[in-house]
Amino acid sequence: MIQPPLDLFGPEPQQLAPHTTLLPGFALAQVEPLLDALRLVLKAAPLRHMRTPGGLPMAVALSNCGALGWVSDEHGYRYTPFDPQSNQPWPPLPLVLQALAGRAAALAGFEGFVPDACLVNHYRPGDRLSLHQDRDERDFSQPIVSVSLGLPAVFLFGGLQRSEPARRIALNHGDVLVWGGEDRLRFHGVQPVGPGVHSRLGERRINLTLRKAG
């Protein structure tokens, strides 16, 4: 039997490290439902520039949805069930996003992933995210699922020590990146987003990072 060309099914997953998988364009079919859900999330919990424990404003604006939300202020970095700005629970995690994350995690080898937190990061051209580890979650056996929308970005994916060199990974609109297992605590960041105008989202990049925080 003649096999159809692979590109009929979209780009194949790319194994970037032992437990790190890039799924190019995986979210493209769900972009409009995702954006519809995101509008409701940001109406309930608007984007804001949080401050580091040292008092400096963070360059990237962010919000949260799910049972827990990540915050940064003079008390440190932590997850909380309430938005400190409104003292209300964070908006629920949209089902379309939860389902997308579960499917992506399963393709990357993490079956049964059920996120309870999603950070919404909003980048403008010039915004960057310095190298860091995600250490505020309770269970490091669960992966992180990252969905990229809008302007392209260069993701920096380093090692378990900050001093280790970081690989540069191009992330485009609709790409989904999953990392966990022995890669879960790798240092990572984002280079300054370049100038540009995305046909759907304008001069912005939105990154949705889903994790099991509680």
N, C-alpha and C. Protein backbone atom coordinates (compact mmCIF):
# COMPACT_ATOMS: atom_id res chain seq x y z
N MET A 1 0.83 -1.17 0.00
CA MET A 1 0.00 0.00 0.00
C MET A 1 0.88 1.25 0.00
N ILE A 2 0.54 2.21 -0.86
CA ILE A 2 1.33 3.44 -0.96
C ILE A 2 1.00 4.34 0.22
N GLN A 3 2.03 4.78 0.91
CA GLN A 3 1.84 5.65 2.06
C GLN A 3 1.72 7.10 1.59
N PRO A 4 0.77 7.87 2.16
CA PRO A 4 0.67 9.29 1.80
C PRO A 4 1.86 10.07 2.33
N PRO A 5 2.17 11.20 1.71
CA PRO A 5 3.30 11.99 2.20
C PRO A 5 3.06 12.47 3.62
N LEU A 6 4.14 12.53 4.41
CA LEU A 6 4.02 12.88 5.82
C LEU A 6 3.48 14.28 6.04
N ASP A 7 3.75 15.22 5.08
CA ASP A 7 3.34 16.58 5.34
C ASP A 7 1.83 16.76 5.33
N LEU A 8 1.07 15.73 4.89
CA LEU A 8 -0.38 15.81 4.98
C LEU A 8 -0.82 15.85 6.44
N PHE A 9 0.01 15.37 7.32
CA PHE A 9 -0.33 15.31 8.74
C PHE A 9 0.39 16.37 9.55
N GLY A 10 1.06 17.30 8.87
CA GLY A 10 1.78 18.36 9.57
C GLY A 10 3.17 17.91 9.94
N PRO A 11 3.99 18.83 10.42
CA PRO A 11 5.37 18.50 10.80
C PRO A 11 5.40 17.45 11.91
N GLU A 12 6.42 16.62 11.85
CA GLU A 12 6.57 15.58 12.87
C GLU A 12 7.15 16.16 14.15
N PRO A 13 6.87 15.53 15.30
CA PRO A 13 7.47 15.97 16.56
C PRO A 13 8.99 15.93 16.49
N GLN A 14 9.62 16.86 17.19
CA GLN A 14 11.07 16.94 17.23
C GLN A 14 11.54 16.66 18.66
N GLN A 15 12.36 15.63 18.82
CA GLN A 15 12.90 15.29 20.13
C GLN A 15 14.14 16.13 20.38
N LEU A 16 14.05 17.09 21.28
CA LEU A 16 15.14 18.04 21.52
C LEU A 16 16.08 17.60 22.63
N ALA A 17 15.59 16.76 23.53
CA ALA A 17 16.36 16.24 24.67
C ALA A 17 15.64 14.96 25.10
N PRO A 18 16.20 14.21 26.05
CA PRO A 18 15.57 12.92 26.41
C PRO A 18 14.09 13.01 26.74
N HIS A 19 13.66 14.09 27.42
CA HIS A 19 12.26 14.21 27.77
C HIS A 19 11.71 15.59 27.39
N THR A 20 12.14 16.06 26.23
CA THR A 20 11.71 17.36 25.70
C THR A 20 11.31 17.21 24.24
N THR A 21 10.07 17.58 23.93
CA THR A 21 9.54 17.40 22.58
C THR A 21 8.92 18.70 22.08
N LEU A 22 9.29 19.07 20.85
CA LEU A 22 8.67 20.20 20.18
C LEU A 22 7.65 19.65 19.20
N LEU A 23 6.41 20.18 19.29
CA LEU A 23 5.32 19.79 18.40
C LEU A 23 4.99 20.99 17.51
N PRO A 24 5.63 21.09 16.35
CA PRO A 24 5.43 22.27 15.50
C PRO A 24 3.99 22.39 15.02
N GLY A 25 3.40 23.56 15.21
CA GLY A 25 2.05 23.82 14.70
C GLY A 25 0.94 23.03 15.37
N PHE A 26 1.22 22.39 16.50
CA PHE A 26 0.24 21.49 17.11
C PHE A 26 -1.04 22.21 17.52
N ALA A 27 -0.95 23.49 17.89
CA ALA A 27 -2.12 24.22 18.37
C ALA A 27 -2.85 24.99 17.28
N LEU A 28 -2.37 24.95 16.04
CA LEU A 28 -2.94 25.79 14.99
C LEU A 28 -4.43 25.56 14.78
N ALA A 29 -4.86 24.31 14.83
CA ALA A 29 -6.27 24.01 14.58
C ALA A 29 -7.18 24.53 15.69
N GLN A 30 -6.59 24.84 16.84
CA GLN A 30 -7.38 25.30 17.99
C GLN A 30 -7.17 26.77 18.32
N VAL A 31 -6.51 27.51 17.44
CA VAL A 31 -6.17 28.90 17.76
C VAL A 31 -7.40 29.74 18.06
N GLU A 32 -8.44 29.68 17.23
CA GLU A 32 -9.60 30.56 17.45
C GLU A 32 -10.33 30.21 18.76
N PRO A 33 -10.61 28.92 19.05
CA PRO A 33 -11.20 28.60 20.35
C PRO A 33 -10.30 29.01 21.52
N LEU A 34 -8.98 28.88 21.34
CA LEU A 34 -8.06 29.29 22.40
C LEU A 34 -8.15 30.80 22.65
N LEU A 35 -8.19 31.58 21.56
CA LEU A 35 -8.25 33.03 21.72
C LEU A 35 -9.59 33.47 22.31
N ASP A 36 -10.67 32.79 21.92
CA ASP A 36 -11.97 33.11 22.52
C ASP A 36 -11.94 32.87 24.02
N ALA A 37 -11.36 31.75 24.43
CA ALA A 37 -11.28 31.43 25.85
C ALA A 37 -10.34 32.41 26.57
N LEU A 38 -9.27 32.79 25.91
CA LEU A 38 -8.30 33.69 26.53
C LEU A 38 -8.90 35.07 26.78
N ARG A 39 -9.75 35.52 25.89
CA ARG A 39 -10.40 36.82 26.11
C ARG A 39 -11.19 36.83 27.41
N LEU A 40 -11.89 35.74 27.68
CA LEU A 40 -12.67 35.65 28.92
C LEU A 40 -11.76 35.60 30.15
N VAL A 41 -10.66 34.87 30.02
CA VAL A 41 -9.70 34.80 31.13
C VAL A 41 -9.16 36.19 31.46
N LEU A 42 -8.74 36.94 30.43
CA LEU A 42 -8.11 38.24 30.66
C LEU A 42 -9.12 39.31 31.05
N LYS A 43 -10.37 39.10 30.73
CA LYS A 43 -11.41 40.01 31.22
C LYS A 43 -11.58 39.85 32.73
N ALA A 44 -11.50 38.61 33.20
CA ALA A 44 -11.66 38.33 34.63
C ALA A 44 -10.38 38.62 35.41
N ALA A 45 -9.22 38.39 34.79
CA ALA A 45 -7.93 38.60 35.47
C ALA A 45 -7.00 39.30 34.49
N PRO A 46 -7.09 40.63 34.40
CA PRO A 46 -6.30 41.38 33.41
C PRO A 46 -4.80 41.17 33.58
N LEU A 47 -4.10 41.32 32.46
CA LEU A 47 -2.65 41.26 32.49
C LEU A 47 -2.09 42.37 33.38
N ARG A 48 -0.99 42.05 34.06
CA ARG A 48 -0.33 43.07 34.87
C ARG A 48 1.16 42.76 34.94
N HIS A 49 1.96 43.80 35.24
CA HIS A 49 3.40 43.62 35.43
C HIS A 49 3.65 43.43 36.92
N MET A 50 3.88 42.19 37.31
CA MET A 50 4.17 41.92 38.71
C MET A 50 5.58 42.37 39.04
N ARG A 51 5.89 42.41 40.33
CA ARG A 51 7.21 42.84 40.79
C ARG A 51 7.97 41.68 41.41
N THR A 52 9.26 41.71 41.24
CA THR A 52 10.11 40.70 41.87
C THR A 52 10.13 40.95 43.38
N PRO A 53 10.57 39.97 44.17
CA PRO A 53 10.68 40.20 45.61
C PRO A 53 11.56 41.40 45.95
N GLY A 54 12.48 41.77 45.04
CA GLY A 54 13.32 42.94 45.27
C GLY A 54 12.68 44.25 44.88
N GLY A 55 11.45 44.19 44.33
CA GLY A 55 10.72 45.40 44.00
C GLY A 55 10.80 45.85 42.55
N LEU A 56 11.52 45.13 41.71
CA LEU A 56 11.66 45.53 40.31
C LEU A 56 10.47 45.03 39.50
N PRO A 57 9.94 45.85 38.57
CA PRO A 57 8.83 45.39 37.73
C PRO A 57 9.31 44.35 36.73
N MET A 58 8.53 43.33 36.50
CA MET A 58 8.85 42.31 35.52
C MET A 58 8.51 42.83 34.13
N ALA A 59 9.37 42.56 33.15
CA ALA A 59 9.19 43.08 31.80
C ALA A 59 7.97 42.48 31.12
N VAL A 60 7.73 41.21 31.37
CA VAL A 60 6.64 40.50 30.69
C VAL A 60 5.36 40.62 31.53
N ALA A 61 4.27 41.08 30.91
CA ALA A 61 2.98 41.14 31.60
C ALA A 61 2.41 39.72 31.69
N LEU A 62 1.71 39.44 32.79
CA LEU A 62 1.17 38.09 32.92
C LEU A 62 -0.15 38.06 33.67
N SER A 63 -0.82 36.93 33.50
CA SER A 63 -2.03 36.62 34.24
C SER A 63 -2.06 35.12 34.43
N ASN A 64 -3.15 34.60 35.00
CA ASN A 64 -3.25 33.17 35.29
C ASN A 64 -4.68 32.69 35.11
N CYS A 65 -4.80 31.39 34.89
CA CYS A 65 -6.10 30.74 35.01
C CYS A 65 -5.87 29.34 35.55
N GLY A 66 -6.92 28.79 36.15
CA GLY A 66 -6.80 27.48 36.78
C GLY A 66 -7.02 27.58 38.28
N ALA A 67 -6.94 26.46 38.96
CA ALA A 67 -7.15 26.43 40.40
C ALA A 67 -6.08 27.21 41.15
N LEU A 68 -4.88 27.30 40.57
CA LEU A 68 -3.78 28.02 41.18
C LEU A 68 -3.18 28.99 40.18
N GLY A 69 -2.67 30.10 40.67
CA GLY A 69 -2.01 31.07 39.83
C GLY A 69 -0.68 31.48 40.42
N TRP A 70 0.31 31.71 39.55
CA TRP A 70 1.65 32.07 40.00
C TRP A 70 1.73 33.58 40.18
N VAL A 71 2.28 34.02 41.30
CA VAL A 71 2.43 35.45 41.56
C VAL A 71 3.83 35.74 42.08
N SER A 72 4.23 36.99 41.91
CA SER A 72 5.51 37.47 42.42
C SER A 72 5.29 38.84 43.05
N ASP A 73 5.76 38.99 44.28
CA ASP A 73 5.66 40.28 44.97
C ASP A 73 6.69 40.31 46.09
N GLU A 74 6.53 41.25 47.02
CA GLU A 74 7.51 41.37 48.11
C GLU A 74 7.56 40.14 49.00
N HIS A 75 6.55 39.27 48.91
CA HIS A 75 6.53 38.05 49.72
C HIS A 75 7.22 36.88 49.02
N GLY A 76 7.64 37.06 47.78
CA GLY A 76 8.33 36.01 47.06
C GLY A 76 7.53 35.46 45.89
N TYR A 77 8.02 34.36 45.34
CA TYR A 77 7.37 33.66 44.23
C TYR A 77 6.53 32.53 44.81
N ARG A 78 5.29 32.39 44.35
CA ARG A 78 4.43 31.35 44.92
C ARG A 78 3.18 31.17 44.06
N TYR A 79 2.49 30.07 44.33
CA TYR A 79 1.17 29.83 43.74
C TYR A 79 0.10 30.13 44.79
N THR A 80 -0.99 30.70 44.34
CA THR A 80 -2.08 31.03 45.23
C THR A 80 -3.41 30.79 44.52
N PRO A 81 -4.46 30.36 45.23
CA PRO A 81 -5.76 30.15 44.59
C PRO A 81 -6.51 31.45 44.29
N PHE A 82 -6.01 32.57 44.83
CA PHE A 82 -6.72 33.84 44.67
C PHE A 82 -5.84 34.87 43.95
N ASP A 83 -6.46 35.64 43.10
CA ASP A 83 -5.79 36.77 42.44
C ASP A 83 -5.59 37.86 43.49
N PRO A 84 -4.36 38.19 43.85
CA PRO A 84 -4.16 39.20 44.90
C PRO A 84 -4.66 40.59 44.53
N GLN A 85 -4.86 40.83 43.24
CA GLN A 85 -5.35 42.13 42.81
C GLN A 85 -6.84 42.29 43.07
N SER A 86 -7.61 41.21 42.89
CA SER A 86 -9.06 41.28 43.07
C SER A 86 -9.55 40.51 44.29
N ASN A 87 -8.67 39.68 44.87
CA ASN A 87 -9.02 38.78 45.98
C ASN A 87 -10.10 37.78 45.58
N GLN A 88 -10.20 37.51 44.28
CA GLN A 88 -11.14 36.53 43.75
C GLN A 88 -10.37 35.33 43.23
N PRO A 89 -11.03 34.15 43.15
CA PRO A 89 -10.34 33.00 42.54
C PRO A 89 -9.93 33.31 41.10
N TRP A 90 -8.84 32.72 40.67
CA TRP A 90 -8.45 32.87 39.27
C TRP A 90 -9.53 32.29 38.37
N PRO A 91 -9.68 32.80 37.16
CA PRO A 91 -10.66 32.20 36.25
C PRO A 91 -10.35 30.74 35.98
N PRO A 92 -11.37 29.93 35.71
CA PRO A 92 -11.14 28.51 35.48
C PRO A 92 -10.26 28.27 34.25
N LEU A 93 -9.57 27.16 34.28
CA LEU A 93 -8.77 26.75 33.13
C LEU A 93 -9.71 26.32 32.00
N PRO A 94 -9.66 26.99 30.84
CA PRO A 94 -10.57 26.62 29.75
C PRO A 94 -10.39 25.16 29.34
N LEU A 95 -11.49 24.49 29.08
CA LEU A 95 -11.44 23.07 28.71
C LEU A 95 -10.65 22.85 27.44
N VAL A 96 -10.76 23.78 26.47
CA VAL A 96 -10.03 23.62 25.21
C VAL A 96 -8.53 23.63 25.46
N LEU A 97 -8.08 24.42 26.42
CA LEU A 97 -6.66 24.49 26.74
C LEU A 97 -6.20 23.27 27.53
N GLN A 98 -7.03 22.83 28.46
CA GLN A 98 -6.70 21.64 29.23
C GLN A 98 -6.60 20.42 28.33
N ALA A 99 -7.54 20.29 27.38
CA ALA A 99 -7.51 19.15 26.46
C ALA A 99 -6.29 19.20 25.55
N LEU A 100 -5.96 20.38 25.05
CA LEU A 100 -4.79 20.53 24.19
C LEU A 100 -3.52 20.14 24.94
N ALA A 101 -3.40 20.59 26.18
CA ALA A 101 -2.21 20.27 26.97
C ALA A 101 -2.11 18.77 27.24
N GLY A 102 -3.25 18.14 27.52
CA GLY A 102 -3.24 16.71 27.76
C GLY A 102 -2.81 15.91 26.55
N ARG A 103 -3.29 16.30 25.37
CA ARG A 103 -2.91 15.60 24.14
C ARG A 103 -1.43 15.81 23.83
N ALA A 104 -0.96 17.05 24.00
CA ALA A 104 0.45 17.33 23.72
C ALA A 104 1.35 16.56 24.67
N ALA A 105 1.01 16.54 25.96
CA ALA A 105 1.81 15.82 26.94
C ALA A 105 1.85 14.33 26.62
N ALA A 106 0.72 13.76 26.23
CA ALA A 106 0.68 12.34 25.90
C ALA A 106 1.59 12.02 24.71
N LEU A 107 1.58 12.88 23.69
CA LEU A 107 2.45 12.67 22.53
C LEU A 107 3.92 12.73 22.92
N ALA A 108 4.22 13.50 23.98
CA ALA A 108 5.60 13.63 24.44
C ALA A 108 5.97 12.56 25.46
N GLY A 109 5.03 11.64 25.74
CA GLY A 109 5.33 10.54 26.65
C GLY A 109 4.86 10.73 28.08
N PHE A 110 4.03 11.77 28.33
CA PHE A 110 3.53 12.03 29.67
C PHE A 110 2.01 11.82 29.69
N GLU A 111 1.60 10.59 29.82
CA GLU A 111 0.18 10.25 29.83
C GLU A 111 -0.49 10.75 31.10
N GLY A 112 -1.76 11.13 30.98
CA GLY A 112 -2.55 11.48 32.15
C GLY A 112 -2.25 12.84 32.75
N PHE A 113 -1.60 13.73 32.00
CA PHE A 113 -1.28 15.05 32.52
C PHE A 113 -2.55 15.89 32.64
N VAL A 114 -2.83 16.38 33.85
CA VAL A 114 -4.00 17.22 34.11
C VAL A 114 -3.50 18.50 34.79
N PRO A 115 -3.34 19.58 34.06
CA PRO A 115 -2.81 20.81 34.67
C PRO A 115 -3.82 21.46 35.61
N ASP A 116 -3.31 22.15 36.62
CA ASP A 116 -4.18 22.92 37.50
C ASP A 116 -3.80 24.40 37.50
N ALA A 117 -2.83 24.77 36.64
CA ALA A 117 -2.39 26.16 36.57
C ALA A 117 -1.92 26.46 35.15
N CYS A 118 -2.23 27.66 34.69
CA CYS A 118 -1.74 28.13 33.39
C CYS A 118 -1.30 29.57 33.54
N LEU A 119 -0.03 29.84 33.28
CA LEU A 119 0.48 31.20 33.26
C LEU A 119 0.29 31.76 31.85
N VAL A 120 -0.25 32.96 31.78
CA VAL A 120 -0.43 33.66 30.51
C VAL A 120 0.62 34.76 30.46
N ASN A 121 1.62 34.61 29.61
CA ASN A 121 2.69 35.58 29.48
C ASN A 121 2.51 36.40 28.20
N HIS A 122 2.57 37.70 28.32
CA HIS A 122 2.31 38.61 27.19
C HIS A 122 3.59 39.40 26.89
N TYR A 123 4.16 39.16 25.71
CA TYR A 123 5.39 39.82 25.30
C TYR A 123 5.10 40.87 24.23
N ARG A 124 5.77 42.01 24.33
CA ARG A 124 5.84 42.99 23.27
C ARG A 124 7.24 42.92 22.66
N PRO A 125 7.44 43.41 21.44
CA PRO A 125 8.80 43.42 20.89
C PRO A 125 9.79 44.05 21.87
N GLY A 126 10.91 43.38 22.05
CA GLY A 126 11.93 43.82 23.00
C GLY A 126 11.85 43.15 24.35
N ASP A 127 10.69 42.59 24.69
CA ASP A 127 10.57 41.89 25.97
C ASP A 127 11.35 40.58 25.95
N ARG A 128 11.90 40.23 27.10
CA ARG A 128 12.67 38.99 27.22
C ARG A 128 12.37 38.35 28.56
N LEU A 129 12.80 37.10 28.69
CA LEU A 129 12.66 36.38 29.96
C LEU A 129 14.02 35.77 30.28
N SER A 130 14.60 36.17 31.39
CA SER A 130 15.94 35.70 31.73
C SER A 130 15.92 34.22 32.11
N LEU A 131 17.08 33.60 32.05
CA LEU A 131 17.20 32.18 32.38
C LEU A 131 16.76 31.93 33.82
N HIS A 132 15.95 30.89 33.98
CA HIS A 132 15.44 30.55 35.31
C HIS A 132 15.00 29.09 35.30
N GLN A 133 14.76 28.55 36.48
CA GLN A 133 14.16 27.23 36.64
C GLN A 133 12.75 27.40 37.17
N ASP A 134 11.86 26.49 36.78
CA ASP A 134 10.51 26.47 37.36
C ASP A 134 10.54 25.52 38.56
N ARG A 135 10.66 26.11 39.76
CA ARG A 135 10.83 25.31 40.97
C ARG A 135 9.72 25.53 41.99
N ASP A 136 8.68 26.28 41.63
CA ASP A 136 7.65 26.62 42.60
C ASP A 136 6.52 25.60 42.65
N GLU A 137 6.55 24.61 41.77
CA GLU A 137 5.53 23.56 41.77
C GLU A 137 5.91 22.47 42.79
N ARG A 138 4.91 21.72 43.25
CA ARG A 138 5.17 20.70 44.26
C ARG A 138 5.68 19.39 43.68
N ASP A 139 5.26 19.07 42.45
CA ASP A 139 5.55 17.76 41.87
C ASP A 139 6.35 17.93 40.59
N PHE A 140 7.66 17.69 40.67
CA PHE A 140 8.51 17.85 39.50
C PHE A 140 8.41 16.67 38.53
N SER A 141 7.63 15.66 38.88
CA SER A 141 7.47 14.54 37.95
C SER A 141 6.50 14.89 36.81
N GLN A 142 5.76 15.97 36.97
CA GLN A 142 4.81 16.40 35.95
C GLN A 142 5.49 17.36 34.97
N PRO A 143 5.13 17.28 33.69
CA PRO A 143 5.80 18.12 32.69
C PRO A 143 5.26 19.55 32.68
N ILE A 144 5.91 20.37 31.90
CA ILE A 144 5.42 21.70 31.56
C ILE A 144 5.06 21.69 30.08
N VAL A 145 3.89 22.23 29.75
CA VAL A 145 3.43 22.31 28.37
C VAL A 145 3.32 23.79 28.01
N SER A 146 4.04 24.21 26.99
CA SER A 146 4.14 25.62 26.61
C SER A 146 3.57 25.81 25.21
N VAL A 147 2.58 26.70 25.09
CA VAL A 147 1.90 26.98 23.81
C VAL A 147 2.28 28.38 23.36
N SER A 148 2.80 28.51 22.14
CA SER A 148 3.22 29.80 21.60
C SER A 148 2.19 30.33 20.61
N LEU A 149 1.82 31.62 20.77
CA LEU A 149 0.88 32.28 19.87
C LEU A 149 1.43 33.65 19.50
N GLY A 150 1.21 34.07 18.26
CA GLY A 150 1.62 35.39 17.84
C GLY A 150 3.04 35.43 17.29
N LEU A 151 3.77 36.51 17.62
CA LEU A 151 5.11 36.71 17.08
C LEU A 151 6.03 35.55 17.43
N PRO A 152 6.98 35.25 16.55
CA PRO A 152 7.95 34.19 16.86
C PRO A 152 8.90 34.63 17.95
N ALA A 153 9.54 33.65 18.57
CA ALA A 153 10.50 33.91 19.63
C ALA A 153 11.60 32.87 19.58
N VAL A 154 12.71 33.19 20.22
CA VAL A 154 13.80 32.23 20.38
C VAL A 154 13.83 31.80 21.84
N PHE A 155 13.56 30.54 22.05
CA PHE A 155 13.52 29.95 23.39
C PHE A 155 14.92 29.47 23.74
N LEU A 156 15.39 29.82 24.92
CA LEU A 156 16.70 29.40 25.40
C LEU A 156 16.52 28.21 26.34
N PHE A 157 17.14 27.09 26.00
CA PHE A 157 16.96 25.86 26.77
C PHE A 157 18.32 25.37 27.21
N GLY A 158 18.61 25.59 28.48
CA GLY A 158 19.93 25.27 29.01
C GLY A 158 19.99 23.95 29.75
N GLY A 159 20.92 23.89 30.69
CA GLY A 159 21.12 22.67 31.47
C GLY A 159 20.62 22.84 32.89
N LEU A 160 21.09 21.96 33.76
CA LEU A 160 20.65 21.99 35.15
C LEU A 160 21.43 23.00 36.00
N GLN A 161 22.47 23.61 35.41
CA GLN A 161 23.21 24.69 36.04
C GLN A 161 23.10 25.92 35.15
N ARG A 162 22.97 27.09 35.77
CA ARG A 162 22.83 28.32 35.00
C ARG A 162 24.02 28.54 34.07
N SER A 163 25.18 28.07 34.47
CA SER A 163 26.40 28.31 33.70
C SER A 163 26.48 27.46 32.42
N GLU A 164 25.66 26.44 32.31
CA GLU A 164 25.71 25.58 31.12
C GLU A 164 25.18 26.33 29.91
N PRO A 165 25.75 26.07 28.72
CA PRO A 165 25.27 26.76 27.51
C PRO A 165 23.82 26.42 27.21
N ALA A 166 23.11 27.39 26.66
CA ALA A 166 21.69 27.20 26.33
C ALA A 166 21.51 27.03 24.82
N ARG A 167 20.71 26.06 24.47
CA ARG A 167 20.35 25.85 23.07
C ARG A 167 19.30 26.87 22.67
N ARG A 168 19.36 27.37 21.43
CA ARG A 168 18.38 28.31 20.91
C ARG A 168 17.37 27.57 20.05
N ILE A 169 16.10 27.69 20.42
CA ILE A 169 15.02 26.96 19.75
C ILE A 169 14.01 27.96 19.21
N ALA A 170 13.78 27.95 17.91
CA ALA A 170 12.81 28.85 17.30
C ALA A 170 11.39 28.35 17.59
N LEU A 171 10.56 29.22 18.14
CA LEU A 171 9.17 28.90 18.42
C LEU A 171 8.27 29.81 17.60
N ASN A 172 7.34 29.22 16.88
CA ASN A 172 6.44 29.96 16.01
C ASN A 172 4.99 29.82 16.47
N HIS A 173 4.14 30.63 15.88
CA HIS A 173 2.71 30.63 16.19
C HIS A 173 2.13 29.22 16.07
N GLY A 174 1.54 28.72 17.14
CA GLY A 174 0.93 27.40 17.14
C GLY A 174 1.82 26.27 17.61
N ASP A 175 3.09 26.55 17.84
CA ASP A 175 4.00 25.50 18.32
C ASP A 175 3.71 25.17 19.79
N VAL A 176 3.93 23.92 20.14
CA VAL A 176 3.78 23.48 21.53
C VAL A 176 5.08 22.76 21.93
N LEU A 177 5.62 23.16 23.07
CA LEU A 177 6.84 22.55 23.58
C LEU A 177 6.52 21.89 24.92
N VAL A 178 6.99 20.65 25.08
CA VAL A 178 6.73 19.88 26.31
C VAL A 178 8.07 19.42 26.88
N TRP A 179 8.29 19.68 28.16
CA TRP A 179 9.50 19.13 28.79
C TRP A 179 9.19 18.67 30.21
N GLY A 180 9.86 17.59 30.60
CA GLY A 180 9.65 17.02 31.92
C GLY A 180 10.72 16.00 32.22
N GLY A 181 10.42 15.07 33.15
CA GLY A 181 11.39 14.04 33.49
C GLY A 181 12.72 14.64 33.92
N GLU A 182 13.81 14.10 33.39
CA GLU A 182 15.14 14.60 33.77
C GLU A 182 15.41 16.00 33.23
N ASP A 183 14.56 16.47 32.29
CA ASP A 183 14.72 17.81 31.74
C ASP A 183 13.90 18.86 32.50
N ARG A 184 13.10 18.42 33.45
CA ARG A 184 12.11 19.31 34.08
C ARG A 184 12.72 20.55 34.71
N LEU A 185 13.91 20.44 35.29
CA LEU A 185 14.51 21.57 35.99
C LEU A 185 15.61 22.26 35.19
N ARG A 186 15.59 22.09 33.89
CA ARG A 186 16.56 22.82 33.06
C ARG A 186 16.30 24.32 33.12
N PHE A 187 17.36 25.09 33.11
CA PHE A 187 17.23 26.54 33.00
C PHE A 187 16.70 26.88 31.60
N HIS A 188 15.83 27.87 31.55
CA HIS A 188 15.25 28.26 30.27
C HIS A 188 14.86 29.73 30.31
N GLY A 189 14.68 30.31 29.14
CA GLY A 189 14.30 31.72 29.04
C GLY A 189 13.90 32.04 27.61
N VAL A 190 13.73 33.32 27.33
CA VAL A 190 13.34 33.78 26.00
C VAL A 190 14.19 34.98 25.64
N GLN A 191 14.81 34.94 24.45
CA GLN A 191 15.54 36.10 23.96
C GLN A 191 14.58 37.25 23.68
N PRO A 192 15.07 38.51 23.62
CA PRO A 192 14.18 39.62 23.31
C PRO A 192 13.38 39.34 22.03
N VAL A 193 12.08 39.52 22.13
CA VAL A 193 11.21 39.28 20.97
C VAL A 193 11.50 40.35 19.91
N GLY A 194 11.69 39.91 18.68
CA GLY A 194 12.01 40.84 17.61
C GLY A 194 10.81 41.65 17.16
N PRO A 195 11.05 42.76 16.46
CA PRO A 195 9.94 43.57 15.95
C PRO A 195 9.15 42.80 14.90
N GLY A 196 7.88 43.12 14.80
CA GLY A 196 7.05 42.47 13.80
C GLY A 196 5.58 42.65 14.12
N VAL A 197 4.75 42.28 13.17
CA VAL A 197 3.31 42.35 13.34
C VAL A 197 2.74 41.01 12.89
N HIS A 198 2.17 40.27 13.81
CA HIS A 198 1.56 38.99 13.46
C HIS A 198 0.20 39.23 12.84
N SER A 199 -0.15 38.44 11.84
CA SER A 199 -1.40 38.66 11.10
C SER A 199 -2.64 38.51 11.97
N ARG A 200 -2.54 37.74 13.04
CA ARG A 200 -3.71 37.50 13.91
C ARG A 200 -3.62 38.25 15.23
N LEU A 201 -2.42 38.38 15.77
CA LEU A 201 -2.27 38.93 17.11
C LEU A 201 -1.53 40.26 17.16
N GLY A 202 -1.13 40.78 16.02
CA GLY A 202 -0.48 42.09 15.99
C GLY A 202 0.92 42.05 16.58
N GLU A 203 1.29 43.12 17.32
CA GLU A 203 2.64 43.25 17.86
C GLU A 203 2.74 42.60 19.24
N ARG A 204 2.49 41.32 19.28
CA ARG A 204 2.56 40.64 20.58
C ARG A 204 2.84 39.15 20.39
N ARG A 205 3.41 38.58 21.44
CA ARG A 205 3.54 37.14 21.56
C ARG A 205 2.86 36.75 22.85
N ILE A 206 2.04 35.72 22.80
CA ILE A 206 1.38 35.19 23.98
C ILE A 206 1.88 33.76 24.19
N ASN A 207 2.31 33.49 25.40
CA ASN A 207 2.80 32.17 25.75
C ASN A 207 1.95 31.64 26.90
N LEU A 208 1.37 30.48 26.69
CA LEU A 208 0.55 29.81 27.71
C LEU A 208 1.36 28.63 28.25
N THR A 209 1.70 28.66 29.53
CA THR A 209 2.46 27.55 30.10
C THR A 209 1.63 26.85 31.15
N LEU A 210 1.38 25.58 30.89
CA LEU A 210 0.52 24.79 31.76
C LEU A 210 1.35 23.85 32.59
N ARG A 211 0.97 23.73 33.86
CA ARG A 211 1.71 22.85 34.76
C ARG A 211 0.81 22.33 35.88
N LYS A 212 1.27 21.31 36.57
CA LYS A 212 0.60 20.79 37.77
C LYS A 212 1.34 21.40 38.94
N ALA A 213 0.68 22.40 39.55
CA ALA A 213 1.36 23.19 40.58
C ALA A 213 1.07 22.70 42.00
N GLY A 214 -0.13 22.18 42.23
CA GLY A 214 -0.52 21.80 43.57
C GLY A 214 -0.35 20.31 43.85
